[in-house]
Amino acid sequence: MIKLRLKRYGKKREVSYRIVAIKSDARRDGRPLEELGFYNPRTDETRLDVPAIVKRLKEGAQPTETVRSILRKANVFEQVRA
């Protein structure tokens, strides 16, 4: 199963995350199938590759709860339904 989840990177106490498509049994910082976006919780900055995310969701990828809330804020799910 393919999951959309966060991959941690950055310095200690200055963490940022990449939103990635990865196999569900891979480790958190393992090699992703595709990098789909960026999330910085300190500044609440997000950059998303919306067409690639929509493509993955239509293929059946399951987002984690955190990624789901980020995508909901960016109104990505409305594009999947259309």
C-alpha atoms as a PDB file:
ATOM      1  CA  MET A   1       0.000   0.000   0.000  1.00  0.00           C
ATOM      2  CA  ILE A   2       1.210   3.511  -0.832  1.00  0.00           C
ATOM      3  CA  LYS A   3       0.942   6.161   1.884  1.00  0.00           C
ATOM      4  CA  LEU A   4       1.321   9.918   1.783  1.00  0.00           C
ATOM      5  CA  ARG A   5       3.270  10.813   4.908  1.00  0.00           C
ATOM      6  CA  LEU A   6       5.847  13.177   6.360  1.00  0.00           C
ATOM      7  CA  LYS A   7       9.596  12.651   6.038  1.00  0.00           C
ATOM      8  CA  ARG A   8      11.591  14.538   8.653  1.00  0.00           C
ATOM      9  CA  TYR A   9      14.690  16.547   7.822  1.00  0.00           C
ATOM     10  CA  GLY A  10      16.581  19.574   9.131  1.00  0.00           C
ATOM     11  CA  LYS A  11      18.598  20.290  12.224  1.00  0.00           C
ATOM     12  CA  LYS A  12      17.696  19.318  15.749  1.00  0.00           C
ATOM     13  CA  ARG A  13      14.943  21.635  17.075  1.00  0.00           C
ATOM     14  CA  GLU A  14      14.660  23.218  13.599  1.00  0.00           C
ATOM     15  CA  VAL A  15      12.749  20.423  11.941  1.00  0.00           C
ATOM     16  CA  SER A  16      10.945  20.583   8.607  1.00  0.00           C
ATOM     17  CA  TYR A  17       9.121  17.875   6.714  1.00  0.00           C
ATOM     18  CA  ARG A  18       8.721  16.724   3.151  1.00  0.00           C
ATOM     19  CA  ILE A  19       5.415  15.211   2.098  1.00  0.00           C
ATOM     20  CA  VAL A  20       6.254  11.994   0.267  1.00  0.00           C
ATOM     21  CA  ALA A  21       4.601   9.004  -1.354  1.00  0.00           C
ATOM     22  CA  ILE A  22       6.176   5.894   0.168  1.00  0.00           C
ATOM     23  CA  LYS A  23       5.364   2.228   0.704  1.00  0.00           C
ATOM     24  CA  SER A  24       3.600   1.738   4.032  1.00  0.00           C
ATOM     25  CA  ASP A  25       6.155  -0.768   5.366  1.00  0.00           C
ATOM     26  CA  ALA A  26       9.188   1.507   4.692  1.00  0.00           C
ATOM     27  CA  ARG A  27      10.883   3.394   7.493  1.00  0.00           C
ATOM     28  CA  ARG A  28      10.011   7.030   8.170  1.00  0.00           C
ATOM     29  CA  ASP A  29      13.097   8.498   6.515  1.00  0.00           C
ATOM     30  CA  GLY A  30      13.493   5.786   3.896  1.00  0.00           C
ATOM     31  CA  ARG A  31      13.679   6.332   0.157  1.00  0.00           C
ATOM     32  CA  PRO A  32      10.354   7.717  -1.110  1.00  0.00           C
ATOM     33  CA  LEU A  33       8.687   6.868  -4.398  1.00  0.00           C
ATOM     34  CA  GLU A  34       8.058  10.574  -5.000  1.00  0.00           C
ATOM     35  CA  GLU A  35       8.400  13.862  -3.107  1.00  0.00           C
ATOM     36  CA  LEU A  36       5.130  15.788  -3.267  1.00  0.00           C
ATOM     37  CA  GLY A  37       5.572  18.832  -1.077  1.00  0.00           C
ATOM     38  CA  PHE A  38       7.090  20.603   1.881  1.00  0.00           C
ATOM     39  CA  TYR A  39       5.775  21.528   5.339  1.00  0.00           C
ATOM     40  CA  ASN A  40       7.445  23.742   7.939  1.00  0.00           C
ATOM     41  CA  PRO A  41       5.549  23.639  11.268  1.00  0.00           C
ATOM     42  CA  ARG A  42       7.534  26.540  12.758  1.00  0.00           C
ATOM     43  CA  THR A  43       6.366  29.038  10.125  1.00  0.00           C
ATOM     44  CA  ASP A  44       3.315  27.044   8.973  1.00  0.00           C
ATOM     45  CA  GLU A  45       4.627  27.255   5.409  1.00  0.00           C
ATOM     46  CA  THR A  46       3.484  24.630   2.916  1.00  0.00           C
ATOM     47  CA  ARG A  47       4.392  24.061  -0.710  1.00  0.00           C
ATOM     48  CA  LEU A  48       2.468  21.323  -2.494  1.00  0.00           C
ATOM     49  CA  ASP A  49       2.732  19.708  -5.921  1.00  0.00           C
ATOM     50  CA  VAL A  50      -1.055  19.524  -6.221  1.00  0.00           C
ATOM     51  CA  PRO A  51      -1.307  17.701  -9.605  1.00  0.00           C
ATOM     52  CA  ALA A  52       1.036  14.947  -8.382  1.00  0.00           C
ATOM     53  CA  ILE A  53      -0.842  14.633  -5.069  1.00  0.00           C
ATOM     54  CA  VAL A  54      -4.196  14.390  -6.875  1.00  0.00           C
ATOM     55  CA  LYS A  55      -2.744  11.706  -9.168  1.00  0.00           C
ATOM     56  CA  ARG A  56      -1.503   9.662  -6.182  1.00  0.00           C
ATOM     57  CA  LEU A  57      -4.821   9.981  -4.335  1.00  0.00           C
ATOM     58  CA  LYS A  58      -6.742   8.806  -7.416  1.00  0.00           C
ATOM     59  CA  GLU A  59      -4.391   5.796  -7.611  1.00  0.00           C
ATOM     60  CA  GLY A  60      -5.429   4.857  -4.073  1.00  0.00           C
ATOM     61  CA  ALA A  61      -2.696   6.314  -1.857  1.00  0.00           C
ATOM     62  CA  GLN A  62      -3.771   6.786   1.764  1.00  0.00           C
ATOM     63  CA  PRO A  63      -2.650   9.966   3.585  1.00  0.00           C
ATOM     64  CA  THR A  64      -1.782   9.903   7.275  1.00  0.00           C
ATOM     65  CA  GLU A  65      -3.888  12.042   9.623  1.00  0.00           C
ATOM     66  CA  THR A  66      -1.354  14.889   9.674  1.00  0.00           C
ATOM     67  CA  VAL A  67      -0.980  14.928   5.896  1.00  0.00           C
ATOM     68  CA  ARG A  68      -4.769  14.695   5.539  1.00  0.00           C
ATOM     69  CA  SER A  69      -5.190  17.862   7.632  1.00  0.00           C
ATOM     70  CA  ILE A  70      -2.531  19.699   5.584  1.00  0.00           C
ATOM     71  CA  LEU A  71      -4.272  18.699   2.336  1.00  0.00           C
ATOM     72  CA  ARG A  72      -7.668  19.672   3.748  1.00  0.00           C
ATOM     73  CA  LYS A  73      -6.361  23.176   4.553  1.00  0.00           C
ATOM     74  CA  ALA A  74      -5.069  23.490   0.982  1.00  0.00           C
ATOM     75  CA  ASN A  75      -8.422  22.286  -0.490  1.00  0.00           C
ATOM     76  CA  VAL A  76      -6.797  19.409  -2.380  1.00  0.00           C
ATOM     77  CA  PHE A  77      -9.652  16.956  -1.788  1.00  0.00           C
ATOM     78  CA  GLU A  78     -12.080  19.146  -3.773  1.00  0.00           C
ATOM     79  CA  GLN A  79      -9.842  18.654  -6.820  1.00  0.00           C
ATOM     80  CA  VAL A  80      -9.852  14.885  -6.364  1.00  0.00           C
ATOM     81  CA  ARG A  81     -13.656  14.745  -6.380  1.00  0.00           C
ATOM     82  CA  ALA A  82     -13.971  16.943  -9.477  1.00  0.00           C
END
